[in-house]
Amino acid sequence: MFNIGAPELILIFFIILLLFGAKRLPEIGRSLGKALGEFKKGMKEGTSEEEKKEEKKEE
């Protein structure tokens, strides 16, 4: 899909650093981590609800 190597990642990180500044990067990282965790949690809950509905239909 995308072949992103180390030089490209460094360039992207440097651009983000220039845009947001060094003080905001930890805050952004924390909020992205929390959002990703909530997304994964929601996906698990959604699939478990679908499985329960399928089990009820089979009975």
Protein backbone atom coordinates (compact mmCIF):
# COMPACT_ATOMS: atom_id res chain seq x y z
CA MET A 1 0.00 0.00 0.00
CA PHE A 2 2.19 2.84 1.28
CA ASN A 3 5.93 2.31 1.40
CA ILE A 4 6.94 4.79 4.08
CA GLY A 5 10.49 4.40 5.24
CA ALA A 6 12.50 6.01 7.99
CA PRO A 7 13.40 9.19 6.03
CA GLU A 8 9.75 9.86 5.23
CA LEU A 9 8.70 9.32 8.85
CA ILE A 10 11.40 11.69 10.07
CA LEU A 11 10.26 14.32 7.59
CA ILE A 12 6.61 13.94 8.66
CA PHE A 13 7.58 14.15 12.34
CA PHE A 14 9.66 17.28 11.67
CA ILE A 15 6.77 18.98 9.85
CA ILE A 16 4.39 18.13 12.71
CA LEU A 17 6.94 19.46 15.19
CA LEU A 18 7.11 22.74 13.29
CA LEU A 19 3.33 23.05 13.04
CA PHE A 20 2.40 22.27 16.64
CA GLY A 21 5.52 22.92 18.66
CA ALA A 22 7.35 20.74 21.15
CA LYS A 23 5.01 21.51 24.06
CA ARG A 24 1.87 20.31 22.28
CA LEU A 25 3.25 17.02 20.91
CA PRO A 26 2.84 15.00 24.15
CA GLU A 27 -0.74 16.26 24.48
CA ILE A 28 -1.52 15.31 20.90
CA GLY A 29 0.06 11.89 21.36
CA ARG A 30 -1.93 11.24 24.52
CA SER A 31 -5.22 12.25 22.94
CA LEU A 32 -4.54 10.12 19.85
CA GLY A 33 -3.72 7.15 22.07
CA LYS A 34 -6.94 7.57 24.04
CA ALA A 35 -8.97 7.93 20.86
CA LEU A 36 -7.42 4.80 19.37
CA GLY A 37 -8.12 2.87 22.57
CA GLU A 38 -11.75 3.98 22.60
CA PHE A 39 -12.10 3.03 18.93
CA LYS A 40 -10.74 -0.47 19.58
CA LYS A 41 -13.01 -0.84 22.61
CA GLY A 42 -16.01 0.18 20.52
CA MET A 43 -15.09 -2.26 17.78
CA LYS A 44 -14.90 -5.12 20.30
CA GLU A 45 -18.25 -4.19 21.81
CA GLY A 46 -19.83 -3.93 18.37
CA THR A 47 -18.62 -7.35 17.29
CA SER A 48 -19.70 -8.98 20.57
CA GLU A 49 -23.20 -7.50 20.19
CA GLU A 50 -23.43 -8.85 16.63
CA GLU A 51 -22.35 -12.30 17.80
CA LYS A 52 -25.04 -12.26 20.50
CA LYS A 53 -27.69 -11.36 17.91
CA GLU A 54 -26.53 -14.18 15.66
CA GLU A 55 -26.65 -16.68 18.54
CA LYS A 56 -30.23 -15.64 19.34
CA LYS A 57 -31.25 -16.11 15.69
CA GLU A 58 -29.78 -19.63 15.64
CA GLU A 59 -31.86 -20.68 18.66
